[in-house]
Amino acid sequence: MMTTELTQLRNQIDEINLEILKLLNKRAEVVQEIGKQKEKQGVNRFDPVRERESLEAILKHHNGPFEAATIQHIFKEIFKASLELQEDDHRKTLLVSRKAKPENTIVNINGEAIGDGEQRFIMGPCAVESYEQVKEVALAMKQQGLTMMRGGAFKPRTSPYDFQGLGVEGLRILRRVANETGMSIISEIVTPEDVETALDYVDVIQVGARNMQNFELLKTVGRTNKPVLLKRGIAATIEEFINAAEYILAQGNGQIILCERGIRTYERATRNTLDISAVPILKKETHLPVVVDVTHSTGRRDLLLPTAKAAMAIGADAVMAEVHPDPAVALSDSAQQMNIPQFHEFMDELKTLKERLSKTLV
């Protein structure tokens, strides 16, 4: 049983705690005002000289019982929290963030939604090579009940001597096949000048990994009324990826789909390293739907199915992969594309998984 004296001492501690809290909040209010004045004057918010002078003044008046190092540590934490408070006051809330919009963005593509909770599939050839090639893939997709078709008309390649795509002629082929089979077309546009032309042919403008920080392109597609599929850059952080999406939304186009397609690391067993953890992070930090491209993240046909399963299990809104009637003769990335029979096996496996996942969630 506590003595009266101990109870009184503890009550005294409680009162001091409240007094410290009051003083800390009062200090925080002054810190915020200082931050506003610094912003007006264009002054750097962190002033290490000022921090050192403050610590020295505090220690000069310190006479125990705490060790000087302890007092210094406590006040450094207060200074750090104060600096973060100033940064929070002046950091603009991103339009793509959950803070700006708590509910999910649902992107509608000719009646097919991405981001509504239903997992979907985006398939198609790496590059448009001919009408017959694209049509064969589209018919296989139609057989699986798919309507969102990817295909590269413009192909930015590492080597200038590799196949660069058919350009506008490739877009015409995609549009013709789409009209004949009921597909929606997703295709990459690489320059701001080509965006206006592409609007007549594509249903979704893709901004590729190499162009994730092509800010003029981002601003141009942001001024259109077409959905945009934005791929993560090969060495981009998640923060950089999110800010690239902000460029688009800041121009007024909120129909953005984020695509994780692997990042460059030291690992060479795969073409890139699939950052599967990016999916829940992006869905937590932003309100935008997230797609996983398992083809470019692995570069290996034998890894498409397991990585697609991982993407679905972790909550991706859609899985993207590449299909070619005869990958051996493909003009680009032959090792990573499925043939038609492999595509059907791939889809059958994923549909089974999708059904199991939906039952688990229920």
Protein backbone atom coordinates (compact mmCIF):
# COMPACT_ATOMS: atom_id res chain seq x y z
CA MET A 1 0.00 0.00 0.00
CA MET A 2 1.40 3.38 -1.07
CA THR A 3 2.22 5.97 1.56
CA THR A 4 0.65 9.40 1.50
CA GLU A 5 4.06 10.94 0.79
CA LEU A 6 4.64 8.70 -2.30
CA THR A 7 1.18 9.52 -3.61
CA GLN A 8 1.86 13.23 -3.24
CA LEU A 9 5.15 12.92 -5.09
CA ARG A 10 3.51 11.06 -7.95
CA ASN A 11 0.77 13.64 -8.16
CA GLN A 12 3.46 16.29 -8.31
CA ILE A 13 5.10 14.43 -11.23
CA ASP A 14 1.76 14.31 -13.06
CA GLU A 15 1.35 18.06 -12.65
CA ILE A 16 4.89 18.69 -13.94
CA ASN A 17 4.25 16.42 -16.93
CA LEU A 18 1.22 18.49 -17.87
CA GLU A 19 3.23 21.68 -17.45
CA ILE A 20 5.99 20.28 -19.72
CA LEU A 21 3.33 19.31 -22.29
CA LYS A 22 1.88 22.80 -22.18
CA LEU A 23 5.32 24.35 -22.69
CA LEU A 24 6.17 21.95 -25.52
CA ASN A 25 3.00 22.85 -27.39
CA LYS A 26 3.62 26.55 -26.78
CA ARG A 27 7.14 26.09 -28.15
CA ALA A 28 5.72 24.25 -31.19
CA GLU A 29 3.43 27.18 -31.97
CA VAL A 30 6.40 29.55 -31.95
CA VAL A 31 8.34 27.11 -34.17
CA GLN A 32 5.50 27.18 -36.71
CA GLU A 33 5.57 30.97 -36.78
CA ILE A 34 9.34 30.92 -37.28
CA GLY A 35 8.83 28.52 -40.19
CA LYS A 36 6.37 30.91 -41.84
CA GLN A 37 8.81 33.82 -41.48
CA LYS A 38 11.65 31.74 -42.90
CA GLU A 39 9.52 30.76 -45.89
CA LYS A 40 8.72 34.41 -46.60
CA GLN A 41 12.42 35.27 -46.46
CA GLY A 42 13.49 32.20 -48.44
CA VAL A 43 15.71 31.04 -45.60
CA ASN A 44 16.84 27.44 -45.18
CA ARG A 45 14.69 25.91 -42.44
CA PHE A 46 17.56 23.99 -40.81
CA ASP A 47 20.15 26.25 -39.17
CA PRO A 48 22.87 24.11 -37.53
CA VAL A 49 24.66 27.18 -36.11
CA ARG A 50 21.48 28.32 -34.37
CA GLU A 51 20.93 24.78 -33.02
CA ARG A 52 24.46 24.65 -31.60
CA GLU A 53 24.08 28.07 -29.95
CA SER A 54 20.78 27.00 -28.36
CA LEU A 55 22.28 23.80 -26.98
CA GLU A 56 25.25 25.66 -25.53
CA ALA A 57 22.93 28.18 -23.84
CA ILE A 58 20.85 25.37 -22.35
CA LEU A 59 23.88 23.47 -21.06
CA LYS A 60 25.31 26.68 -19.60
CA HIS A 61 22.28 26.94 -17.31
CA HIS A 62 22.13 23.22 -16.52
CA ASN A 63 23.13 22.21 -13.00
CA GLY A 64 21.85 18.60 -12.67
CA PRO A 65 20.80 16.07 -11.61
CA PHE A 66 20.68 14.83 -15.26
CA GLU A 67 23.98 14.29 -17.04
CA ALA A 68 24.75 17.01 -19.58
CA ALA A 69 24.73 14.40 -22.36
CA THR A 70 21.20 13.38 -21.38
CA ILE A 71 19.94 16.96 -21.51
CA GLN A 72 21.64 17.45 -24.86
CA HIS A 73 19.96 14.31 -26.22
CA ILE A 74 16.51 15.37 -25.00
CA PHE A 75 16.76 18.82 -26.57
CA LYS A 76 18.15 17.46 -29.83
CA GLU A 77 15.03 15.31 -30.10
CA ILE A 78 12.88 18.40 -29.45
CA PHE A 79 14.78 20.32 -32.14
CA LYS A 80 14.37 17.43 -34.58
CA ALA A 81 10.62 17.22 -33.94
CA SER A 82 10.35 20.99 -34.37
CA LEU A 83 12.10 20.85 -37.75
CA GLU A 84 9.76 18.08 -38.90
CA LEU A 85 6.81 20.20 -37.75
CA GLN A 86 7.98 23.07 -39.96
CA GLU A 87 8.42 20.72 -42.92
CA ASP A 88 4.95 19.24 -42.44
CA ASP A 89 3.44 22.73 -42.37
CA HIS A 90 4.98 23.67 -45.68
CA ARG A 91 4.93 20.36 -47.54
CA LYS A 92 2.15 20.38 -50.12
CA THR A 93 -0.29 17.51 -49.82
CA LEU A 94 0.05 15.55 -53.05
CA LEU A 95 -3.11 15.19 -55.11
CA VAL A 96 -2.34 11.49 -55.61
CA SER A 97 -2.10 10.85 -51.86
CA ARG A 98 -4.63 9.15 -49.62
CA LYS A 99 -4.63 12.31 -47.54
CA ALA A 100 -6.01 14.28 -50.49
CA LYS A 101 -8.47 11.57 -51.50
CA PRO A 102 -9.15 8.68 -49.09
CA GLU A 103 -11.31 6.66 -51.49
CA ASN A 104 -9.88 4.56 -54.34
CA THR A 105 -9.68 5.98 -57.84
CA ILE A 106 -11.41 3.70 -60.34
CA VAL A 107 -10.23 4.04 -63.93
CA ASN A 108 -12.85 3.14 -66.52
CA ILE A 109 -11.63 1.81 -69.86
CA ASN A 110 -14.57 1.38 -72.21
CA GLY A 111 -16.68 -0.19 -69.48
CA GLU A 112 -13.83 -2.20 -67.91
CA ALA A 113 -12.79 -0.86 -64.52
CA ILE A 114 -9.37 -0.99 -62.88
CA GLY A 115 -9.29 -0.26 -59.17
CA ASP A 116 -12.80 -1.42 -58.25
CA GLY A 117 -11.61 -4.47 -56.30
CA GLU A 118 -11.90 -6.90 -59.21
CA GLN A 119 -8.54 -8.18 -60.43
CA ARG A 120 -8.05 -7.96 -64.19
CA PHE A 121 -5.54 -8.85 -66.89
CA ILE A 122 -3.77 -6.82 -69.56
CA MET A 123 -2.17 -8.91 -72.32
CA GLY A 124 -0.72 -8.45 -75.77
CA PRO A 125 2.46 -8.50 -77.85
CA CYS A 126 5.61 -6.66 -76.83
CA ALA A 127 5.77 -4.94 -80.23
CA VAL A 128 3.30 -4.58 -83.07
CA GLU A 129 4.85 -6.40 -86.02
CA SER A 130 1.91 -7.05 -88.35
CA TYR A 131 -1.87 -7.03 -88.52
CA GLU A 132 -1.95 -10.84 -88.55
CA GLN A 133 0.25 -11.11 -85.44
CA VAL A 134 -1.86 -8.68 -83.42
CA LYS A 135 -5.14 -10.20 -84.61
CA GLU A 136 -4.09 -13.72 -83.56
CA VAL A 137 -3.22 -12.53 -80.06
CA ALA A 138 -6.47 -10.55 -79.81
CA LEU A 139 -8.56 -13.58 -80.75
CA ALA A 140 -6.80 -15.66 -78.08
CA MET A 141 -7.50 -12.92 -75.55
CA LYS A 142 -11.13 -12.76 -76.59
CA GLN A 143 -11.38 -16.51 -76.04
CA GLN A 144 -10.29 -15.88 -72.42
CA GLY A 145 -12.79 -13.05 -72.00
CA LEU A 146 -10.14 -10.32 -71.91
CA THR A 147 -10.60 -6.88 -73.45
CA MET A 148 -7.52 -4.83 -72.47
CA MET A 149 -4.72 -5.25 -74.97
CA ARG A 150 -1.22 -3.83 -74.73
CA GLY A 151 1.03 -3.47 -77.76
CA GLY A 152 4.09 -1.40 -78.57
CA ALA A 153 4.00 0.80 -81.66
CA PHE A 154 6.86 3.01 -80.47
CA LYS A 155 9.66 0.97 -78.94
CA PRO A 156 12.41 2.86 -77.07
CA ARG A 157 15.31 0.39 -77.06
CA THR A 158 18.68 0.32 -75.37
CA SER A 159 20.47 -0.13 -78.69
CA PRO A 160 19.70 2.30 -81.54
CA TYR A 161 20.02 -0.63 -83.95
CA ASP A 162 17.23 -2.71 -82.39
CA PHE A 163 13.68 -2.70 -83.77
CA GLN A 164 12.13 0.64 -82.84
CA GLY A 165 8.52 -0.22 -83.67
CA LEU A 166 6.20 0.65 -86.56
CA GLY A 167 5.21 4.00 -85.12
CA VAL A 168 1.90 5.45 -86.25
CA GLU A 169 1.37 2.47 -88.59
CA GLY A 170 1.53 0.24 -85.52
CA LEU A 171 -1.14 2.37 -83.84
CA ARG A 172 -3.35 1.98 -86.91
CA ILE A 173 -2.97 -1.80 -86.74
CA LEU A 174 -3.87 -1.83 -83.06
CA ARG A 175 -6.95 0.31 -83.66
CA ARG A 176 -8.11 -1.85 -86.57
CA VAL A 177 -7.78 -5.05 -84.53
CA ALA A 178 -9.47 -3.40 -81.55
CA ASN A 179 -12.45 -2.38 -83.65
CA GLU A 180 -12.76 -5.89 -85.07
CA THR A 181 -12.44 -7.77 -81.77
CA GLY A 182 -13.79 -5.39 -79.12
CA MET A 183 -10.43 -4.67 -77.50
CA SER A 184 -9.28 -1.56 -75.66
CA ILE A 185 -5.77 -0.50 -76.63
CA ILE A 186 -2.92 0.43 -74.29
CA SER A 187 0.20 1.65 -76.07
CA GLU A 188 3.27 3.64 -75.18
CA ILE A 189 3.79 7.16 -76.50
CA VAL A 190 7.34 8.44 -76.16
CA THR A 191 7.24 12.13 -77.08
CA PRO A 192 4.85 14.99 -76.27
CA GLU A 193 4.52 15.69 -80.00
CA ASP A 194 3.02 12.25 -80.68
CA VAL A 195 0.36 12.43 -77.96
CA GLU A 196 -2.25 14.30 -80.03
CA THR A 197 -1.90 11.83 -82.92
CA ALA A 198 -2.16 8.86 -80.56
CA LEU A 199 -5.49 10.03 -79.13
CA ASP A 200 -7.27 8.78 -82.26
CA TYR A 201 -5.90 5.26 -81.84
CA VAL A 202 -5.37 4.36 -78.17
CA ASP A 203 -7.73 4.03 -75.23
CA VAL A 204 -4.96 4.27 -72.62
CA ILE A 205 -1.69 6.15 -73.06
CA GLN A 206 1.27 4.30 -71.60
CA VAL A 207 4.24 6.25 -70.27
CA GLY A 208 7.13 3.82 -70.24
CA ALA A 209 9.78 3.27 -67.59
CA ARG A 210 12.40 5.23 -69.53
CA ASN A 211 10.05 8.20 -69.72
CA MET A 212 8.77 8.20 -66.13
CA GLN A 213 10.63 11.46 -65.53
CA ASN A 214 10.06 12.97 -68.96
CA PHE A 215 8.22 15.83 -67.32
CA GLU A 216 7.05 17.49 -70.51
CA LEU A 217 5.49 14.21 -71.62
CA LEU A 218 3.86 13.78 -68.20
CA LYS A 219 2.39 17.28 -68.37
CA THR A 220 1.16 16.70 -71.92
CA VAL A 221 -0.69 13.46 -71.10
CA GLY A 222 -1.98 15.21 -67.99
CA ARG A 223 -3.83 17.64 -70.23
CA THR A 224 -5.65 14.87 -72.13
CA ASN A 225 -8.85 13.09 -71.15
CA LYS A 226 -7.39 9.62 -71.77
CA PRO A 227 -6.41 7.23 -68.97
CA VAL A 228 -2.65 6.98 -68.44
CA LEU A 229 -0.71 3.87 -67.45
CA LEU A 230 2.48 5.12 -65.79
CA LYS A 231 5.36 2.68 -65.44
CA ARG A 232 7.92 2.95 -62.68
CA GLY A 233 11.40 3.94 -63.85
CA ILE A 234 14.12 1.32 -63.80
CA ALA A 235 15.94 3.03 -60.91
CA ALA A 236 13.15 5.14 -59.45
CA THR A 237 12.28 5.21 -55.79
CA ILE A 238 8.63 4.90 -54.81
CA GLU A 239 8.66 8.58 -53.85
CA GLU A 240 9.92 9.55 -57.33
CA PHE A 241 7.29 7.30 -58.90
CA ILE A 242 4.51 8.95 -56.90
CA ASN A 243 5.75 12.41 -57.81
CA ALA A 244 5.77 11.46 -61.50
CA ALA A 245 2.07 10.60 -61.16
CA GLU A 246 1.57 13.95 -59.45
CA TYR A 247 2.81 15.71 -62.59
CA ILE A 248 -0.06 14.11 -64.51
CA LEU A 249 -2.76 14.74 -61.93
CA ALA A 250 -1.59 18.33 -61.39
CA GLN A 251 -2.57 19.00 -65.01
CA GLY A 252 -6.11 17.77 -64.38
CA ASN A 253 -6.02 14.13 -65.51
CA GLY A 254 -6.87 11.87 -62.57
CA GLN A 255 -7.26 8.69 -64.64
CA ILE A 256 -3.87 7.26 -63.69
CA ILE A 257 -2.86 3.62 -63.34
CA LEU A 258 0.48 2.92 -61.66
CA CYS A 259 2.55 0.02 -62.99
CA GLU A 260 5.28 -1.73 -61.04
CA ARG A 261 7.58 -3.36 -63.64
CA GLY A 262 10.71 -4.15 -61.70
CA ILE A 263 13.73 -2.04 -60.83
CA ARG A 264 17.41 -2.37 -61.65
CA THR A 265 19.47 -3.98 -58.90
CA TYR A 266 22.69 -5.98 -58.67
CA GLU A 267 20.74 -9.21 -59.33
CA ARG A 268 21.20 -10.70 -62.82
CA ALA A 269 19.06 -13.84 -62.60
CA THR A 270 16.16 -11.75 -63.89
CA ARG A 271 15.95 -8.82 -66.28
CA ASN A 272 14.92 -6.57 -63.40
CA THR A 273 14.00 -7.17 -59.76
CA LEU A 274 10.25 -7.20 -59.12
CA ASP A 275 9.57 -4.96 -56.12
CA ILE A 276 6.44 -6.77 -55.02
CA SER A 277 6.26 -4.76 -51.79
CA ALA A 278 5.69 -1.64 -53.90
CA VAL A 279 2.10 -2.77 -54.53
CA PRO A 280 0.78 -2.42 -50.95
CA ILE A 281 2.95 0.66 -50.35
CA LEU A 282 1.55 2.44 -53.42
CA LYS A 283 -2.00 1.42 -52.53
CA LYS A 284 -1.50 2.72 -49.01
CA GLU A 285 0.19 5.99 -49.97
CA THR A 286 -1.96 6.80 -53.03
CA HIS A 287 -5.55 6.32 -54.14
CA LEU A 288 -4.49 5.10 -57.60
CA PRO A 289 -4.87 1.53 -58.94
CA VAL A 290 -1.69 -0.54 -59.24
CA VAL A 291 -0.77 -2.98 -62.01
CA VAL A 292 2.17 -5.41 -62.02
CA ASP A 293 4.00 -6.10 -65.29
CA VAL A 294 5.47 -9.56 -64.76
CA THR A 295 7.08 -9.69 -68.20
CA HIS A 296 9.47 -6.76 -67.92
CA SER A 297 10.15 -7.33 -64.24
CA THR A 298 11.48 -10.85 -64.84
CA GLY A 299 12.39 -11.07 -68.53
CA ARG A 300 11.81 -14.81 -68.23
CA ARG A 301 8.88 -16.78 -69.57
CA ASP A 302 9.27 -19.44 -66.85
CA LEU A 303 8.77 -16.88 -64.08
CA LEU A 304 5.63 -15.20 -65.42
CA LEU A 305 3.15 -17.47 -63.65
CA PRO A 306 4.68 -17.48 -60.13
CA THR A 307 5.23 -13.71 -60.15
CA ALA A 308 1.71 -13.13 -61.47
CA LYS A 309 0.36 -15.24 -58.62
CA ALA A 310 2.40 -13.20 -56.15
CA ALA A 311 1.05 -9.96 -57.65
CA MET A 312 -2.53 -11.16 -57.33
CA ALA A 313 -2.03 -12.47 -53.80
CA ILE A 314 -0.57 -9.16 -52.63
CA GLY A 315 -3.48 -7.18 -54.03
CA ALA A 316 -2.52 -5.85 -57.47
CA ASP A 317 -5.49 -4.48 -59.40
CA ALA A 318 -4.28 -6.09 -62.63
CA VAL A 319 -1.51 -8.25 -64.05
CA MET A 320 0.21 -7.38 -67.32
CA ALA A 321 2.11 -9.87 -69.49
CA GLU A 322 3.19 -10.31 -73.11
CA VAL A 323 1.95 -12.81 -75.69
CA HIS A 324 3.22 -13.56 -79.21
CA PRO A 325 2.04 -16.19 -81.73
CA ASP A 326 5.65 -17.31 -82.25
CA PRO A 327 8.06 -15.78 -79.70
CA ALA A 328 11.09 -17.37 -81.37
CA VAL A 329 10.77 -14.97 -84.31
CA ALA A 330 9.59 -11.93 -82.33
CA LEU A 331 11.34 -8.70 -83.27
CA SER A 332 11.81 -7.76 -79.60
CA ASP A 333 12.15 -9.54 -76.25
CA SER A 334 11.51 -13.06 -77.53
CA ALA A 335 12.65 -14.76 -74.30
CA GLN A 336 9.96 -13.15 -72.15
CA GLN A 337 6.83 -13.61 -74.27
CA MET A 338 4.37 -16.52 -74.05
CA ASN A 339 3.04 -18.30 -77.10
CA ILE A 340 -0.71 -18.82 -77.48
CA PRO A 341 -0.96 -22.27 -75.77
CA GLN A 342 1.21 -21.01 -72.88
CA PHE A 343 -1.02 -17.96 -72.61
CA HIS A 344 -4.12 -20.13 -72.24
CA GLU A 345 -2.45 -22.24 -69.53
CA PHE A 346 -1.31 -19.04 -67.80
CA MET A 347 -4.82 -17.59 -67.81
CA ASP A 348 -6.45 -20.81 -66.62
CA GLU A 349 -4.08 -20.92 -63.64
CA LEU A 350 -4.68 -17.28 -62.76
CA LYS A 351 -8.45 -17.56 -63.07
CA THR A 352 -8.36 -20.48 -60.64
CA LEU A 353 -6.27 -18.44 -58.22
CA LYS A 354 -8.57 -15.45 -58.63
CA GLU A 355 -11.55 -17.58 -57.68
CA ARG A 356 -9.76 -18.97 -54.63
CA LEU A 357 -8.69 -15.51 -53.51
CA SER A 358 -12.21 -14.13 -53.84
CA LYS A 359 -13.56 -16.96 -51.68
CA THR A 360 -10.84 -16.33 -49.08
CA LEU A 361 -11.69 -12.64 -48.91
CA VAL A 362 -15.39 -13.40 -48.52
